[in-house]
N, C-alpha and C. Protein backbone atom coordinates (compact mmCIF):
# COMPACT_ATOMS: atom_id res chain seq x y z
N MET A 1 41.66 0.55 23.83
CA MET A 1 41.25 1.11 22.50
C MET A 1 40.56 0.30 21.81
N LYS A 2 40.35 -0.97 21.72
CA LYS A 2 40.00 -1.90 20.85
C LYS A 2 38.44 -1.61 21.11
N LYS A 3 38.25 -1.58 22.37
CA LYS A 3 36.75 -1.24 22.90
C LYS A 3 36.56 0.13 22.17
N TYR A 4 37.05 1.28 22.53
CA TYR A 4 36.45 2.35 21.89
C TYR A 4 36.16 2.46 20.46
N LEU A 5 37.08 1.55 19.44
CA LEU A 5 36.99 1.40 18.20
C LEU A 5 36.00 0.53 17.94
N PHE A 6 35.58 -0.51 18.64
CA PHE A 6 34.27 -1.37 18.53
C PHE A 6 32.98 -0.63 18.69
N ILE A 7 33.11 0.59 20.16
CA ILE A 7 31.78 0.92 20.09
C ILE A 7 31.61 2.28 18.77
N LEU A 8 32.43 2.62 18.61
CA LEU A 8 32.28 3.86 17.62
C LEU A 8 32.04 3.05 16.22
N LEU A 9 32.49 1.95 15.68
CA LEU A 9 32.03 1.00 14.50
C LEU A 9 30.50 0.58 15.10
N PHE A 10 30.23 0.27 16.35
CA PHE A 10 29.02 0.14 16.03
C PHE A 10 27.88 0.88 16.26
N LEU A 11 28.15 2.48 16.52
CA LEU A 11 27.38 3.31 16.59
C LEU A 11 27.58 3.75 14.97
N LEU A 12 28.30 4.02 14.26
CA LEU A 12 28.18 4.27 12.92
C LEU A 12 27.39 3.18 11.78
N ALA A 13 27.42 1.95 12.49
CA ALA A 13 26.65 0.82 11.84
C ALA A 13 25.28 0.96 12.17
N PHE A 14 24.90 1.35 13.19
CA PHE A 14 23.70 1.68 13.99
C PHE A 14 22.86 2.87 13.40
N SER A 15 23.59 3.84 12.88
CA SER A 15 23.21 5.29 12.53
C SER A 15 22.92 4.94 10.86
N GLN A 16 23.69 4.06 10.54
CA GLN A 16 23.31 3.80 9.04
C GLN A 16 22.14 3.12 8.81
N LEU A 17 21.99 2.09 9.76
CA LEU A 17 20.33 1.24 9.97
C LEU A 17 19.18 2.49 10.13
N LEU A 18 19.21 3.05 10.76
CA LEU A 18 18.44 4.07 11.00
C LEU A 18 18.01 4.82 10.06
N ARG A 19 19.00 5.41 9.20
CA ARG A 19 19.19 6.21 8.15
C ARG A 19 18.45 5.44 7.13
N SER A 20 18.66 4.28 6.87
CA SER A 20 18.30 3.23 5.85
C SER A 20 16.78 3.07 5.89
N GLN A 21 16.09 3.34 7.03
CA GLN A 21 14.59 3.11 7.68
C GLN A 21 14.00 4.11 7.40
N GLU A 22 14.47 5.53 7.09
CA GLU A 22 13.87 6.82 6.73
C GLU A 22 12.44 5.97 6.03
N SER A 23 11.49 7.08 6.33
CA SER A 23 10.08 7.31 5.64
C SER A 23 10.12 7.75 4.52
N ILE A 24 9.33 7.67 3.49
CA ILE A 24 9.01 8.26 2.47
C ILE A 24 8.43 9.35 2.15
N SER A 25 8.40 10.81 1.70
CA SER A 25 7.74 11.69 1.78
C SER A 25 6.90 11.54 0.56
N LEU A 26 5.44 10.91 0.71
CA LEU A 26 4.66 11.27 -0.11
C LEU A 26 3.92 12.35 -0.60
N TYR A 27 3.42 12.95 -2.03
CA TYR A 27 2.63 13.58 -2.53
C TYR A 27 1.40 13.04 -3.17
N ARG A 28 0.18 13.58 -3.15
CA ARG A 28 -0.65 13.22 -3.85
C ARG A 28 -0.56 12.97 -5.29
N ASP A 29 0.14 14.00 -5.87
CA ASP A 29 0.75 13.56 -7.24
C ASP A 29 1.53 12.31 -7.59
N ASP A 30 2.19 11.85 -6.57
CA ASP A 30 2.81 10.29 -6.57
C ASP A 30 2.15 9.75 -6.68
N ILE A 31 0.93 9.37 -6.25
CA ILE A 31 -0.17 8.32 -6.21
C ILE A 31 -1.35 8.48 -7.00
N VAL A 32 -1.76 9.59 -8.02
CA VAL A 32 -2.86 9.61 -8.36
C VAL A 32 -2.60 9.02 -9.49
N GLY A 33 -3.93 8.21 -9.87
CA GLY A 33 -3.62 7.50 -11.29
C GLY A 33 -4.39 6.16 -10.66
N ARG A 34 -4.04 5.14 -11.81
CA ARG A 34 -4.72 3.92 -11.97
C ARG A 34 -3.54 2.96 -11.55
N TRP A 35 -3.51 2.27 -10.24
CA TRP A 35 -2.64 1.08 -10.23
C TRP A 35 -3.02 -0.59 -10.16
N ILE A 36 -2.20 -1.36 -11.08
CA ILE A 36 -2.87 -2.40 -11.04
C ILE A 36 -2.06 -3.68 -10.25
N GLU A 37 -2.59 -4.44 -9.74
CA GLU A 37 -1.99 -5.30 -8.61
C GLU A 37 -0.87 -6.28 -9.55
N GLN A 38 0.21 -6.42 -9.19
CA GLN A 38 1.23 -7.40 -10.02
C GLN A 38 1.10 -8.73 -9.30
N LYS A 39 1.52 -8.21 -8.02
CA LYS A 39 1.91 -9.45 -6.90
C LYS A 39 1.61 -9.07 -5.37
N ARG A 40 1.10 -10.34 -5.04
CA ARG A 40 0.70 -10.16 -3.31
C ARG A 40 1.81 -10.92 -2.72
N ILE A 41 2.21 -10.62 -1.60
CA ILE A 41 2.86 -11.44 -0.85
C ILE A 41 3.03 -11.63 0.79
N GLU A 42 2.09 -12.68 1.22
CA GLU A 42 1.82 -13.04 2.23
C GLU A 42 2.52 -14.36 3.14
N GLY A 43 3.52 -13.55 3.80
CA GLY A 43 4.26 -14.43 4.51
C GLY A 43 5.26 -14.80 3.70
N ASP A 44 5.50 -16.17 3.32
CA ASP A 44 6.55 -17.06 2.58
C ASP A 44 5.79 -16.97 0.85
N LYS A 45 4.70 -17.06 1.15
CA LYS A 45 3.96 -17.16 -0.35
C LYS A 45 3.53 -15.94 -0.86
N GLU A 46 3.85 -16.04 -2.26
CA GLU A 46 3.75 -15.07 -3.45
C GLU A 46 2.71 -15.39 -4.42
N ILE A 47 1.79 -14.60 -4.64
CA ILE A 47 0.36 -14.92 -5.23
C ILE A 47 0.55 -13.88 -6.34
N VAL A 48 0.64 -14.27 -7.65
CA VAL A 48 0.66 -13.23 -8.69
C VAL A 48 -0.43 -13.27 -9.22
N ALA A 49 -0.76 -11.73 -9.76
CA ALA A 49 -1.93 -11.46 -10.15
C ALA A 49 -2.04 -12.29 -11.45
N GLY A 50 -3.73 -12.67 -11.63
CA GLY A 50 -4.04 -13.90 -12.93
C GLY A 50 -4.18 -13.01 -13.82
N GLU A 51 -5.31 -13.49 -14.85
CA GLU A 51 -5.53 -12.72 -16.17
C GLU A 51 -6.32 -11.77 -15.64
N TYR A 52 -7.16 -11.32 -14.38
CA TYR A 52 -8.05 -10.34 -13.88
C TYR A 52 -7.65 -10.00 -12.65
N PRO A 53 -6.43 -9.02 -12.99
CA PRO A 53 -5.78 -8.23 -11.42
C PRO A 53 -6.68 -7.07 -11.02
N ASP A 54 -6.73 -6.61 -9.87
CA ASP A 54 -7.32 -5.86 -9.21
C ASP A 54 -7.14 -4.73 -9.43
N THR A 55 -7.82 -3.41 -9.81
CA THR A 55 -7.43 -2.21 -9.88
C THR A 55 -8.03 -1.10 -8.98
N TYR A 56 -6.90 -0.42 -8.53
CA TYR A 56 -6.65 0.69 -7.60
C TYR A 56 -6.68 2.08 -8.17
N ILE A 57 -7.69 2.71 -8.06
CA ILE A 57 -7.68 4.24 -8.42
C ILE A 57 -7.29 5.24 -7.43
N PHE A 58 -6.31 6.10 -7.38
CA PHE A 58 -6.48 7.54 -6.64
C PHE A 58 -6.73 8.49 -7.36
N ARG A 59 -7.66 9.35 -7.16
CA ARG A 59 -8.18 10.50 -7.57
C ARG A 59 -7.39 12.01 -6.96
N ASP A 60 -7.22 12.91 -7.77
CA ASP A 60 -6.59 13.91 -7.09
C ASP A 60 -7.47 14.67 -6.38
N THR A 61 -9.09 14.39 -5.86
CA THR A 61 -9.79 14.63 -5.36
C THR A 61 -9.63 14.17 -3.72
N GLY A 62 -8.88 13.13 -3.67
CA GLY A 62 -8.93 12.42 -2.50
C GLY A 62 -9.86 11.24 -2.48
N VAL A 63 -10.38 10.83 -3.70
CA VAL A 63 -11.36 9.40 -3.68
C VAL A 63 -10.75 8.54 -4.24
N PHE A 64 -11.00 7.63 -3.35
CA PHE A 64 -10.32 5.66 -3.72
C PHE A 64 -11.50 5.21 -4.16
N HIS A 65 -11.00 4.06 -5.25
CA HIS A 65 -11.71 3.17 -5.80
C HIS A 65 -11.02 1.99 -6.08
N LYS A 66 -11.77 0.63 -5.90
CA LYS A 66 -10.99 -0.71 -5.85
C LYS A 66 -11.93 -1.35 -7.01
N GLY A 67 -11.58 -1.60 -8.08
CA GLY A 67 -12.08 -2.82 -9.01
C GLY A 67 -11.81 -4.13 -8.77
N GLU A 68 -12.49 -4.81 -8.83
CA GLU A 68 -12.35 -6.55 -9.06
C GLU A 68 -12.53 -6.91 -10.54
N ALA A 69 -11.73 -7.30 -11.10
CA ALA A 69 -11.91 -7.85 -12.55
C ALA A 69 -12.57 -9.40 -12.79
N SER A 70 -13.64 -9.42 -13.57
CA SER A 70 -13.89 -10.53 -13.75
C SER A 70 -14.59 -10.55 -14.98
N GLU A 71 -13.74 -11.86 -16.08
CA GLU A 71 -14.13 -12.05 -17.58
C GLU A 71 -14.16 -10.78 -18.15
N GLY A 72 -12.77 -9.93 -17.90
CA GLY A 72 -13.36 -8.74 -18.42
C GLY A 72 -13.46 -7.70 -18.47
N VAL A 73 -14.31 -7.57 -17.18
CA VAL A 73 -14.86 -6.47 -16.73
C VAL A 73 -14.70 -6.03 -15.38
N ILE A 74 -14.15 -4.73 -15.05
CA ILE A 74 -13.86 -4.25 -13.95
C ILE A 74 -15.23 -4.14 -13.13
N LEU A 75 -15.09 -4.31 -11.99
CA LEU A 75 -16.48 -4.14 -10.98
C LEU A 75 -15.95 -2.97 -10.17
N PHE A 76 -16.34 -1.84 -10.09
CA PHE A 76 -15.74 -0.91 -8.96
C PHE A 76 -16.97 -1.05 -7.69
N ASN A 77 -16.43 -2.01 -7.01
CA ASN A 77 -17.31 -2.12 -5.87
C ASN A 77 -16.73 -1.55 -4.29
N ILE A 78 -15.62 -1.26 -4.42
CA ILE A 78 -15.39 -0.24 -3.36
C ILE A 78 -14.89 1.08 -3.59
N THR A 79 -15.49 1.71 -2.63
CA THR A 79 -15.18 3.20 -2.84
C THR A 79 -14.98 3.78 -1.58
N GLY A 80 -13.90 5.23 -1.50
CA GLY A 80 -13.96 5.83 -0.24
C GLY A 80 -12.74 6.78 -0.44
N ARG A 81 -12.51 7.32 0.85
CA ARG A 81 -11.92 8.69 0.65
C ARG A 81 -9.92 8.01 1.26
N TYR A 82 -9.24 8.75 0.71
CA TYR A 82 -7.86 8.65 1.08
C TYR A 82 -7.43 9.92 1.60
N LYS A 83 -6.23 9.82 2.53
CA LYS A 83 -5.46 10.89 2.75
C LYS A 83 -4.13 10.13 3.03
N ILE A 84 -2.92 11.13 2.85
CA ILE A 84 -1.66 10.95 3.00
C ILE A 84 -1.00 11.47 3.98
N GLU A 85 0.16 10.97 4.68
CA GLU A 85 0.51 10.97 6.00
C GLU A 85 1.91 10.55 6.11
N ASN A 86 2.75 11.36 5.24
CA ASN A 86 4.17 10.99 5.54
C ASN A 86 4.11 9.45 4.12
N ASP A 87 4.45 8.42 4.47
CA ASP A 87 4.67 7.53 3.78
C ASP A 87 3.54 6.50 3.64
N ILE A 88 2.37 6.97 4.53
CA ILE A 88 1.04 6.12 4.71
C ILE A 88 0.03 6.59 4.10
N ILE A 89 -0.73 5.71 3.26
CA ILE A 89 -2.10 6.03 2.82
C ILE A 89 -2.87 5.34 3.52
N SER A 90 -3.96 6.33 4.09
CA SER A 90 -5.06 5.88 4.74
C SER A 90 -6.25 6.05 4.11
N ILE A 91 -6.96 4.78 3.77
CA ILE A 91 -8.44 4.67 3.11
C ILE A 91 -9.55 4.40 3.71
N ILE A 92 -10.51 4.99 3.89
CA ILE A 92 -11.53 4.72 4.67
C ILE A 92 -12.64 4.55 3.34
N TYR A 93 -12.99 3.28 3.26
CA TYR A 93 -14.24 2.89 2.42
C TYR A 93 -15.39 2.35 2.72
N ALA A 94 -16.44 1.98 1.91
CA ALA A 94 -17.25 0.79 1.86
C ALA A 94 -17.37 0.42 0.83
N ASP A 95 -17.60 -1.05 1.28
CA ASP A 95 -17.86 -2.30 0.35
C ASP A 95 -19.26 -2.43 0.01
N TYR A 96 -19.48 -1.87 -1.68
CA TYR A 96 -20.75 -2.13 -2.04
C TYR A 96 -21.24 -3.43 -2.41
N LEU A 97 -20.58 -4.71 -2.02
CA LEU A 97 -21.37 -5.84 -2.47
C LEU A 97 -21.63 -6.51 -0.95
N GLN A 98 -21.14 -5.76 0.14
CA GLN A 98 -22.06 -6.53 1.25
C GLN A 98 -23.36 -5.84 1.47
N ASP A 99 -24.02 -6.71 2.39
CA ASP A 99 -25.32 -6.22 2.63
C ASP A 99 -25.54 -4.76 3.33
N MET A 100 -26.67 -3.84 3.22
CA MET A 100 -26.71 -2.97 3.79
C MET A 100 -26.21 -2.48 5.15
N ASP A 101 -26.50 -3.28 6.05
CA ASP A 101 -26.00 -3.31 7.41
C ASP A 101 -24.38 -3.31 7.36
N LYS A 102 -23.74 -4.11 6.80
CA LYS A 102 -22.34 -4.23 6.76
C LYS A 102 -21.91 -2.78 6.00
N ARG A 103 -22.81 -2.80 4.92
CA ARG A 103 -22.24 -1.32 3.88
C ARG A 103 -21.85 -0.22 5.06
N LYS A 104 -22.95 -0.33 5.71
CA LYS A 104 -22.96 1.31 6.47
C LYS A 104 -21.52 1.70 7.66
N GLU A 105 -20.85 0.25 7.62
CA GLU A 105 -19.95 0.40 9.07
C GLU A 105 -18.42 0.75 8.06
N PRO A 106 -18.09 2.04 8.00
CA PRO A 106 -16.65 2.16 7.32
C PRO A 106 -15.41 1.10 7.62
N LYS A 107 -14.93 1.20 6.65
CA LYS A 107 -13.65 -0.11 6.92
C LYS A 107 -12.05 0.88 6.86
N LEU A 108 -11.62 0.58 7.65
CA LEU A 108 -9.96 1.17 7.25
C LEU A 108 -9.03 0.13 6.49
N LEU A 109 -8.66 0.77 5.29
CA LEU A 109 -7.19 0.03 4.45
C LEU A 109 -6.28 0.93 4.70
N SER A 110 -4.96 0.44 5.05
CA SER A 110 -3.50 1.22 5.07
C SER A 110 -2.80 0.59 4.30
N PHE A 111 -1.88 1.37 3.30
CA PHE A 111 -0.75 1.30 2.50
C PHE A 111 0.43 1.85 3.37
N LYS A 112 1.46 1.24 3.42
CA LYS A 112 2.76 1.75 3.90
C LYS A 112 3.45 1.75 2.95
N VAL A 113 3.96 2.75 2.25
CA VAL A 113 4.76 2.75 0.84
C VAL A 113 5.99 2.53 1.40
N LEU A 114 6.55 1.01 0.85
CA LEU A 114 8.02 1.24 1.07
C LEU A 114 8.71 1.48 -0.03
N SER A 115 8.70 1.43 -1.25
CA SER A 115 9.31 1.90 -2.65
C SER A 115 8.12 2.66 -3.39
N ILE A 116 8.61 3.41 -4.29
CA ILE A 116 7.98 4.09 -5.25
C ILE A 116 8.84 4.62 -6.33
N SER A 117 8.17 4.39 -7.52
CA SER A 117 8.89 4.69 -9.01
C SER A 117 7.85 5.16 -9.96
N ASP A 118 8.19 5.56 -10.99
CA ASP A 118 7.12 6.08 -12.31
C ASP A 118 6.49 4.39 -12.62
N GLU A 119 7.18 3.59 -12.70
CA GLU A 119 6.54 2.33 -13.04
C GLU A 119 5.85 1.53 -11.89
N GLY A 120 6.24 1.57 -10.39
CA GLY A 120 5.23 0.63 -9.61
C GLY A 120 5.71 1.40 -8.16
N MET A 121 5.12 0.73 -7.61
CA MET A 121 5.04 0.65 -5.82
C MET A 121 4.77 -0.45 -5.28
N LEU A 122 5.79 -0.49 -4.13
CA LEU A 122 5.66 -1.64 -3.21
C LEU A 122 5.14 -1.27 -1.97
N VAL A 123 4.03 -1.91 -1.43
CA VAL A 123 3.26 -1.56 -0.44
C VAL A 123 3.00 -2.57 0.72
N SER A 124 3.06 -2.16 2.02
CA SER A 124 2.80 -3.20 3.05
C SER A 124 1.32 -2.69 3.38
N VAL A 125 0.49 -3.82 3.12
CA VAL A 125 -0.99 -3.32 3.33
C VAL A 125 -1.52 -4.02 4.81
N THR A 126 -2.10 -3.00 5.26
CA THR A 126 -2.92 -3.65 6.54
C THR A 126 -4.31 -3.63 6.33
N ASP A 127 -5.21 -4.59 6.12
CA ASP A 127 -6.73 -4.86 5.90
C ASP A 127 -7.20 -5.56 7.04
N TYR A 128 -8.24 -4.77 7.73
CA TYR A 128 -8.58 -5.49 9.03
C TYR A 128 -7.46 -6.22 9.72
N GLU A 129 -7.46 -7.54 10.03
CA GLU A 129 -6.16 -8.00 11.00
C GLU A 129 -5.43 -8.67 9.92
N LYS A 130 -5.49 -8.41 8.33
CA LYS A 130 -4.30 -8.90 7.80
C LYS A 130 -3.37 -8.13 7.28
N LYS A 131 -1.97 -8.64 7.02
CA LYS A 131 -1.17 -7.77 6.90
C LYS A 131 -0.11 -8.53 5.54
N TYR A 132 0.04 -7.91 4.38
CA TYR A 132 0.41 -8.45 3.68
C TYR A 132 1.24 -7.36 2.69
N ARG A 133 2.12 -7.82 1.80
CA ARG A 133 2.78 -6.94 0.99
C ARG A 133 2.34 -6.75 -0.69
N MET A 134 2.32 -5.84 -1.25
CA MET A 134 1.87 -6.07 -2.53
C MET A 134 2.34 -4.93 -3.44
N ILE A 135 2.77 -5.63 -4.97
CA ILE A 135 3.29 -4.83 -5.93
C ILE A 135 2.42 -4.31 -6.91
N LEU A 136 2.24 -2.95 -7.00
CA LEU A 136 1.43 -2.14 -7.80
C LEU A 136 2.01 -1.43 -8.87
N LYS A 137 1.67 -1.64 -10.12
CA LYS A 137 2.14 -1.34 -11.65
C LYS A 137 1.15 -0.10 -11.77
N ARG A 138 1.69 1.17 -12.50
CA ARG A 138 1.00 1.91 -13.13
C ARG A 138 0.65 1.40 -14.35
């Protein structure tokens, strides 16, 4: 009897774990707008955005821009297109600060949205071979 009770409790706990990892259904309206990077988490290291944080813009037309701030001016040197599939935002972009040969090769950036609210978004980012988490605020 104890064995069956243990198996039943294990199955209930396992089903709760699976349910807690359900993906978020995103819609374009959820992410359209300007997002400011607040914090980047790389392994155990947390990097707080400084005086000039990066800016991410998602337009309702599917166009994406990333701006790097310096001395109070935002330079939008990265632009591309994005698409949403469940909880993944896939961005194909070009970096206009690269030389002409490197610029022609499109790059892929992927945001897995872990949580989203009216104030902010927590994402797991895959950029080239780098993986990190990032907190973005509206």
